[in-house]
Amino acid sequence: MDRRADHSLSNARRKWTAPLYILLCLVLSAPDEPASAQRAYLAAGANPFEALGKLFGGGQPEFLPVEEAFKLNVMVQDASSLLVIWQIAQGYYLYRDKMRFSLRDNGVALGMAKFPAGEIEEDEYFGRVEIYTQDLLKITLPLRRDTAAARTITLNVRYQGCAEAGICYPPIDRQVRLRLPAAAPKEDAALRTSPWTQSRVIARHGLGRAALTEAAR
């Protein structure tokens, strides 16, 4: 069965997603459960579905840890764009509308993200949604800079995905530090004359646009 054909089956299986999480939380917070056992289940990097299986004597976990289901990599594509890459495991998918990108740094802003076309699905909980099931998902993030100098930035990434077998992971937040190279001379000139850069300079120094245009020459 291919990924597209399996989505209708995964919708039905997802009905027990919420009860699974609630049950896991109740068990781990139960006063009768030894504290040492609770800490073992919640150890750093532990898979909650594996923990649930251990609590009830299950065998091998059926679901991958989120970092294995959706392997994230972010790289600097050039001085004015970033490339976000997810390697999606077979049988898993990401929601497009759950993806969020932001920068914590002044002087650099994100442009409109460039998403590839995904697959449309009628989700029981989220309605009509667009999802990505391909093995390798690439998203380009254009950058707007007010200076050509090389600098370090921090990109915040949020995403959420599910397993076609019937569970959805909670939203995941990651922070990635990246080193932007200095902009080339042509890019530097474009930065100094861009409306976004000019508006920032006007707000900071109270300069008129005529003065800015003259300064850029």
C-alpha atoms as a PDB file:
ATOM      1  CA  MET A   1       0.000   0.000   0.000  1.00  0.00           C
ATOM      2  CA  ASP A   2       1.491   3.377  -0.998  1.00  0.00           C
ATOM      3  CA  ARG A   3       1.450   6.478   1.191  1.00  0.00           C
ATOM      4  CA  ARG A   4      -1.547   8.098  -0.486  1.00  0.00           C
ATOM      5  CA  ALA A   5      -3.740   5.003  -0.208  1.00  0.00           C
ATOM      6  CA  ASP A   6      -2.849   4.554   3.439  1.00  0.00           C
ATOM      7  CA  HIS A   7      -4.037   8.035   4.570  1.00  0.00           C
ATOM      8  CA  SER A   8      -7.720   7.054   4.747  1.00  0.00           C
ATOM      9  CA  LEU A   9      -6.833   4.190   7.068  1.00  0.00           C
ATOM     10  CA  SER A  10      -4.629   6.445   9.206  1.00  0.00           C
ATOM     11  CA  ASN A  11      -7.543   8.855   9.793  1.00  0.00           C
ATOM     12  CA  ALA A  12      -9.558   6.103  11.455  1.00  0.00           C
ATOM     13  CA  ARG A  13      -6.625   4.949  13.555  1.00  0.00           C
ATOM     14  CA  ARG A  14      -5.970   8.498  14.828  1.00  0.00           C
ATOM     15  CA  LYS A  15      -9.143   8.382  16.956  1.00  0.00           C
ATOM     16  CA  TRP A  16      -7.187   6.937  19.874  1.00  0.00           C
ATOM     17  CA  THR A  17      -4.349   9.489  19.721  1.00  0.00           C
ATOM     18  CA  ALA A  18      -5.699  11.761  22.476  1.00  0.00           C
ATOM     19  CA  PRO A  19      -6.624   8.887  24.853  1.00  0.00           C
ATOM     20  CA  LEU A  20      -3.109   7.494  24.423  1.00  0.00           C
ATOM     21  CA  TYR A  21      -1.493  10.748  25.568  1.00  0.00           C
ATOM     22  CA  ILE A  22      -3.950  11.178  28.444  1.00  0.00           C
ATOM     23  CA  LEU A  23      -3.344   7.623  29.630  1.00  0.00           C
ATOM     24  CA  LEU A  24       0.423   8.075  29.493  1.00  0.00           C
ATOM     25  CA  CYS A  25       0.250  11.299  31.527  1.00  0.00           C
ATOM     26  CA  LEU A  26      -2.046   9.735  34.135  1.00  0.00           C
ATOM     27  CA  VAL A  27       0.171   6.690  34.578  1.00  0.00           C
ATOM     28  CA  LEU A  28       3.367   8.700  34.901  1.00  0.00           C
ATOM     29  CA  SER A  29       1.784  11.018  37.459  1.00  0.00           C
ATOM     30  CA  ALA A  30       0.245   8.234  39.563  1.00  0.00           C
ATOM     31  CA  PRO A  31       1.393   8.385  43.224  1.00  0.00           C
ATOM     32  CA  ASP A  32       1.715   4.592  43.426  1.00  0.00           C
ATOM     33  CA  GLU A  33       4.273   4.507  40.639  1.00  0.00           C
ATOM     34  CA  PRO A  34       7.835   4.567  42.097  1.00  0.00           C
ATOM     35  CA  ALA A  35       9.626   7.852  41.432  1.00  0.00           C
ATOM     36  CA  SER A  36      12.663   6.007  40.094  1.00  0.00           C
ATOM     37  CA  ALA A  37      10.488   4.263  37.502  1.00  0.00           C
ATOM     38  CA  GLN A  38       8.868   7.539  36.455  1.00  0.00           C
ATOM     39  CA  ARG A  39      12.280   9.130  35.958  1.00  0.00           C
ATOM     40  CA  ALA A  40      13.376   6.175  33.847  1.00  0.00           C
ATOM     41  CA  TYR A  41      10.335   6.530  31.573  1.00  0.00           C
ATOM     42  CA  LEU A  42      10.909  10.278  31.191  1.00  0.00           C
ATOM     43  CA  ALA A  43      14.692  10.197  30.700  1.00  0.00           C
ATOM     44  CA  ALA A  44      16.122  12.629  28.180  1.00  0.00           C
ATOM     45  CA  GLY A  45      15.436  11.456  24.649  1.00  0.00           C
ATOM     46  CA  ALA A  46      12.973   8.782  25.760  1.00  0.00           C
ATOM     47  CA  ASN A  47      10.185   7.847  23.374  1.00  0.00           C
ATOM     48  CA  PRO A  48       6.815   8.283  25.206  1.00  0.00           C
ATOM     49  CA  PHE A  49       5.269   5.466  23.170  1.00  0.00           C
ATOM     50  CA  GLU A  50       8.110   3.156  24.161  1.00  0.00           C
ATOM     51  CA  ALA A  51       7.562   4.201  27.784  1.00  0.00           C
ATOM     52  CA  LEU A  52       3.879   3.315  27.503  1.00  0.00           C
ATOM     53  CA  GLY A  53       4.764  -0.079  26.094  1.00  0.00           C
ATOM     54  CA  LYS A  54       7.129  -0.754  29.012  1.00  0.00           C
ATOM     55  CA  LEU A  55       4.487   0.205  31.548  1.00  0.00           C
ATOM     56  CA  PHE A  56       2.061  -2.366  30.150  1.00  0.00           C
ATOM     57  CA  GLY A  57       4.597  -5.047  29.357  1.00  0.00           C
ATOM     58  CA  GLY A  58       4.640  -4.429  25.613  1.00  0.00           C
ATOM     59  CA  GLY A  59       7.396  -5.466  23.267  1.00  0.00           C
ATOM     60  CA  GLN A  60       9.338  -3.282  20.870  1.00  0.00           C
ATOM     61  CA  PRO A  61       7.953   0.237  20.297  1.00  0.00           C
ATOM     62  CA  GLU A  62       5.762   0.603  17.241  1.00  0.00           C
ATOM     63  CA  PHE A  63       6.528   4.299  16.681  1.00  0.00           C
ATOM     64  CA  LEU A  64       9.776   6.167  16.084  1.00  0.00           C
ATOM     65  CA  PRO A  65      11.027   8.944  18.367  1.00  0.00           C
ATOM     66  CA  VAL A  66      10.116  12.282  16.823  1.00  0.00           C
ATOM     67  CA  GLU A  67      13.741  13.152  16.001  1.00  0.00           C
ATOM     68  CA  GLU A  68      13.981   9.954  13.936  1.00  0.00           C
ATOM     69  CA  ALA A  69      10.572  10.288  12.307  1.00  0.00           C
ATOM     70  CA  PHE A  70      11.358  13.851  11.155  1.00  0.00           C
ATOM     71  CA  LYS A  71      15.092  14.529  10.845  1.00  0.00           C
ATOM     72  CA  LEU A  72      15.619  18.292  10.639  1.00  0.00           C
ATOM     73  CA  ASN A  73      18.577  20.012   9.007  1.00  0.00           C
ATOM     74  CA  VAL A  74      18.977  23.746   8.328  1.00  0.00           C
ATOM     75  CA  MET A  75      21.742  25.224   6.205  1.00  0.00           C
ATOM     76  CA  VAL A  76      22.766  28.576   4.785  1.00  0.00           C
ATOM     77  CA  GLN A  77      22.040  28.442   1.059  1.00  0.00           C
ATOM     78  CA  ASP A  78      23.667  31.801   0.312  1.00  0.00           C
ATOM     79  CA  ALA A  79      23.972  35.263   1.882  1.00  0.00           C
ATOM     80  CA  SER A  80      20.260  35.938   1.405  1.00  0.00           C
ATOM     81  CA  SER A  81      18.490  32.599   1.933  1.00  0.00           C
ATOM     82  CA  LEU A  82      18.279  29.544   4.180  1.00  0.00           C
ATOM     83  CA  LEU A  83      17.329  25.985   3.284  1.00  0.00           C
ATOM     84  CA  VAL A  84      15.259  23.909   5.718  1.00  0.00           C
ATOM     85  CA  ILE A  85      15.304  20.164   5.057  1.00  0.00           C
ATOM     86  CA  TRP A  86      13.286  17.401   6.676  1.00  0.00           C
ATOM     87  CA  GLN A  87      13.995  13.735   6.079  1.00  0.00           C
ATOM     88  CA  ILE A  88      10.596  12.113   6.679  1.00  0.00           C
ATOM     89  CA  ALA A  89      10.527   8.432   7.615  1.00  0.00           C
ATOM     90  CA  GLN A  90       8.357   6.017   5.662  1.00  0.00           C
ATOM     91  CA  GLY A  91       4.852   5.979   7.130  1.00  0.00           C
ATOM     92  CA  TYR A  92       5.048   9.487   8.646  1.00  0.00           C
ATOM     93  CA  TYR A  93       4.044  12.965   7.460  1.00  0.00           C
ATOM     94  CA  LEU A  94       4.245  16.667   8.395  1.00  0.00           C
ATOM     95  CA  TYR A  95       1.504  19.301   8.386  1.00  0.00           C
ATOM     96  CA  ARG A  96       2.253  22.390   6.321  1.00  0.00           C
ATOM     97  CA  ASP A  97       0.081  24.748   8.396  1.00  0.00           C
ATOM     98  CA  LYS A  98       1.818  23.666  11.618  1.00  0.00           C
ATOM     99  CA  MET A  99       5.206  24.901  10.413  1.00  0.00           C
ATOM    100  CA  ARG A 100       6.480  28.170  11.856  1.00  0.00           C
ATOM    101  CA  PHE A 101       9.763  29.981  11.204  1.00  0.00           C
ATOM    102  CA  SER A 102      11.087  33.059  13.009  1.00  0.00           C
ATOM    103  CA  LEU A 103      14.357  34.853  13.742  1.00  0.00           C
ATOM    104  CA  ARG A 104      15.454  36.218  17.099  1.00  0.00           C
ATOM    105  CA  ASP A 105      17.929  38.692  15.614  1.00  0.00           C
ATOM    106  CA  ASN A 106      17.544  42.390  14.815  1.00  0.00           C
ATOM    107  CA  GLY A 107      18.717  43.432  11.381  1.00  0.00           C
ATOM    108  CA  VAL A 108      17.629  40.211   9.652  1.00  0.00           C
ATOM    109  CA  ALA A 109      14.048  39.269   8.769  1.00  0.00           C
ATOM    110  CA  LEU A 110      12.464  36.345   6.980  1.00  0.00           C
ATOM    111  CA  GLY A 111      10.735  36.745   3.636  1.00  0.00           C
ATOM    112  CA  MET A 112       7.880  34.560   2.405  1.00  0.00           C
ATOM    113  CA  ALA A 113       8.763  30.877   2.808  1.00  0.00           C
ATOM    114  CA  LYS A 114       8.800  28.886  -0.440  1.00  0.00           C
ATOM    115  CA  PHE A 115       6.888  25.630   0.103  1.00  0.00           C
ATOM    116  CA  PRO A 116       6.606  22.808  -2.433  1.00  0.00           C
ATOM    117  CA  ALA A 117       3.142  21.490  -3.243  1.00  0.00           C
ATOM    118  CA  GLY A 118       1.889  18.911  -0.757  1.00  0.00           C
ATOM    119  CA  GLU A 119      -1.005  16.451  -0.598  1.00  0.00           C
ATOM    120  CA  ILE A 120      -4.507  17.527   0.478  1.00  0.00           C
ATOM    121  CA  GLU A 121      -6.144  15.407   3.164  1.00  0.00           C
ATOM    122  CA  GLU A 122      -9.416  15.555   5.096  1.00  0.00           C
ATOM    123  CA  ASP A 123      -8.223  15.295   8.687  1.00  0.00           C
ATOM    124  CA  GLU A 124     -10.661  14.230  11.408  1.00  0.00           C
ATOM    125  CA  TYR A 125      -9.399  16.868  13.850  1.00  0.00           C
ATOM    126  CA  PHE A 126      -7.894  19.620  11.656  1.00  0.00           C
ATOM    127  CA  GLY A 127     -10.259  19.531   8.669  1.00  0.00           C
ATOM    128  CA  ARG A 128      -8.857  20.056   5.182  1.00  0.00           C
ATOM    129  CA  VAL A 129      -5.064  20.177   5.489  1.00  0.00           C
ATOM    130  CA  GLU A 130      -1.959  19.986   3.334  1.00  0.00           C
ATOM    131  CA  ILE A 131       0.618  17.388   4.315  1.00  0.00           C
ATOM    132  CA  TYR A 132       4.078  16.282   3.215  1.00  0.00           C
ATOM    133  CA  THR A 133       4.893  12.596   2.913  1.00  0.00           C
ATOM    134  CA  GLN A 134       7.917  12.688   0.612  1.00  0.00           C
ATOM    135  CA  ASP A 135      11.213  11.297   1.852  1.00  0.00           C
ATOM    136  CA  LEU A 136      12.984  14.660   1.531  1.00  0.00           C
ATOM    137  CA  LEU A 137      11.168  17.970   2.092  1.00  0.00           C
ATOM    138  CA  LYS A 138      12.992  21.209   1.214  1.00  0.00           C
ATOM    139  CA  ILE A 139      11.751  24.713   2.084  1.00  0.00           C
ATOM    140  CA  THR A 140      13.586  27.903   1.120  1.00  0.00           C
ATOM    141  CA  LEU A 141      13.531  30.884   3.484  1.00  0.00           C
ATOM    142  CA  PRO A 142      14.513  34.202   1.841  1.00  0.00           C
ATOM    143  CA  LEU A 143      16.279  36.710   4.103  1.00  0.00           C
ATOM    144  CA  ARG A 144      16.045  40.496   4.276  1.00  0.00           C
ATOM    145  CA  ARG A 145      19.155  42.092   5.776  1.00  0.00           C
ATOM    146  CA  ASP A 146      19.913  45.680   6.748  1.00  0.00           C
ATOM    147  CA  THR A 147      23.678  45.120   6.666  1.00  0.00           C
ATOM    148  CA  ALA A 148      26.052  43.182   4.431  1.00  0.00           C
ATOM    149  CA  ALA A 149      28.404  42.169   7.243  1.00  0.00           C
ATOM    150  CA  ALA A 150      28.759  38.506   8.184  1.00  0.00           C
ATOM    151  CA  ARG A 151      26.823  37.606  11.312  1.00  0.00           C
ATOM    152  CA  THR A 152      25.395  34.772  13.388  1.00  0.00           C
ATOM    153  CA  ILE A 153      21.626  34.293  13.555  1.00  0.00           C
ATOM    154  CA  THR A 154      19.259  31.957  15.409  1.00  0.00           C
ATOM    155  CA  LEU A 155      16.356  30.408  13.514  1.00  0.00           C
ATOM    156  CA  ASN A 156      13.333  29.150  15.465  1.00  0.00           C
ATOM    157  CA  VAL A 157      11.528  26.231  13.812  1.00  0.00           C
ATOM    158  CA  ARG A 158       8.207  24.728  14.927  1.00  0.00           C
ATOM    159  CA  TYR A 159       6.593  21.717  13.255  1.00  0.00           C
ATOM    160  CA  GLN A 160       4.153  18.882  13.912  1.00  0.00           C
ATOM    161  CA  GLY A 161       3.618  15.531  12.274  1.00  0.00           C
ATOM    162  CA  CYS A 162       1.907  12.174  12.590  1.00  0.00           C
ATOM    163  CA  ALA A 163       2.410   8.496  11.916  1.00  0.00           C
ATOM    164  CA  GLU A 164       0.048   6.953   9.405  1.00  0.00           C
ATOM    165  CA  ALA A 165      -0.385   4.062  11.855  1.00  0.00           C
ATOM    166  CA  GLY A 166      -2.470   6.327  14.051  1.00  0.00           C
ATOM    167  CA  ILE A 167      -0.650   8.731  16.404  1.00  0.00           C
ATOM    168  CA  CYS A 168       0.282  12.414  16.207  1.00  0.00           C
ATOM    169  CA  TYR A 169       3.251  13.974  17.969  1.00  0.00           C
ATOM    170  CA  PRO A 170       2.952  17.221  19.952  1.00  0.00           C
ATOM    171  CA  PRO A 171       4.388  20.362  18.279  1.00  0.00           C
ATOM    172  CA  ILE A 172       8.193  20.389  18.240  1.00  0.00           C
ATOM    173  CA  ASP A 173      10.322  23.538  18.702  1.00  0.00           C
ATOM    174  CA  ARG A 174      13.948  23.699  17.596  1.00  0.00           C
ATOM    175  CA  GLN A 175      16.517  26.497  17.610  1.00  0.00           C
ATOM    176  CA  VAL A 176      19.336  26.451  15.060  1.00  0.00           C
ATOM    177  CA  ARG A 177      22.324  28.818  15.090  1.00  0.00           C
ATOM    178  CA  LEU A 178      23.679  29.714  11.661  1.00  0.00           C
ATOM    179  CA  ARG A 179      26.521  31.842  10.356  1.00  0.00           C
ATOM    180  CA  LEU A 180      25.554  34.142   7.477  1.00  0.00           C
ATOM    181  CA  PRO A 181      28.371  35.090   5.108  1.00  0.00           C
ATOM    182  CA  ALA A 182      28.972  38.679   4.105  1.00  0.00           C
ATOM    183  CA  ALA A 183      26.834  39.812   1.190  1.00  0.00           C
ATOM    184  CA  ALA A 184      28.513  40.272  -2.198  1.00  0.00           C
ATOM    185  CA  PRO A 185      28.929  43.864  -3.499  1.00  0.00           C
ATOM    186  CA  LYS A 186      25.816  43.678  -5.715  1.00  0.00           C
ATOM    187  CA  GLU A 187      23.784  42.237  -2.852  1.00  0.00           C
ATOM    188  CA  ASP A 188      25.136  44.962  -0.566  1.00  0.00           C
ATOM    189  CA  ALA A 189      23.931  47.683  -2.952  1.00  0.00           C
ATOM    190  CA  ALA A 190      20.511  46.049  -3.159  1.00  0.00           C
ATOM    191  CA  LEU A 191      20.344  45.911   0.633  1.00  0.00           C
ATOM    192  CA  ARG A 192      21.160  49.609   1.013  1.00  0.00           C
ATOM    193  CA  THR A 193      18.440  50.660  -1.450  1.00  0.00           C
ATOM    194  CA  SER A 194      15.712  48.163  -0.528  1.00  0.00           C
ATOM    195  CA  PRO A 195      12.453  49.629   0.884  1.00  0.00           C
ATOM    196  CA  TRP A 196      12.765  47.444   3.983  1.00  0.00           C
ATOM    197  CA  THR A 197      16.283  48.690   4.767  1.00  0.00           C
ATOM    198  CA  GLN A 198      15.354  52.310   4.068  1.00  0.00           C
ATOM    199  CA  SER A 199      12.320  52.149   6.346  1.00  0.00           C
ATOM    200  CA  ARG A 200      14.495  50.793   9.173  1.00  0.00           C
ATOM    201  CA  VAL A 201      17.068  53.551   8.713  1.00  0.00           C
ATOM    202  CA  ILE A 202      14.347  56.218   8.605  1.00  0.00           C
ATOM    203  CA  ALA A 203      12.864  54.898  11.828  1.00  0.00           C
ATOM    204  CA  ARG A 204      16.281  54.787  13.491  1.00  0.00           C
ATOM    205  CA  HIS A 205      17.773  58.087  12.300  1.00  0.00           C
ATOM    206  CA  GLY A 206      14.834  60.137  11.038  1.00  0.00           C
ATOM    207  CA  LEU A 207      16.379  60.557   7.567  1.00  0.00           C
ATOM    208  CA  GLY A 208      14.346  61.499   4.509  1.00  0.00           C
ATOM    209  CA  ARG A 209      14.204  59.204   1.500  1.00  0.00           C
ATOM    210  CA  ALA A 210      15.997  61.743  -0.682  1.00  0.00           C
ATOM    211  CA  ALA A 211      18.931  61.723   1.730  1.00  0.00           C
ATOM    212  CA  LEU A 212      18.966  57.937   1.716  1.00  0.00           C
ATOM    213  CA  THR A 213      18.981  57.774  -2.066  1.00  0.00           C
ATOM    214  CA  GLU A 214      21.837  60.259  -2.220  1.00  0.00           C
ATOM    215  CA  ALA A 215      23.797  58.313   0.406  1.00  0.00           C
ATOM    216  CA  ALA A 216      23.401  55.090  -1.544  1.00  0.00           C
ATOM    217  CA  ARG A 217      25.028  56.577  -4.656  1.00  0.00           C
END
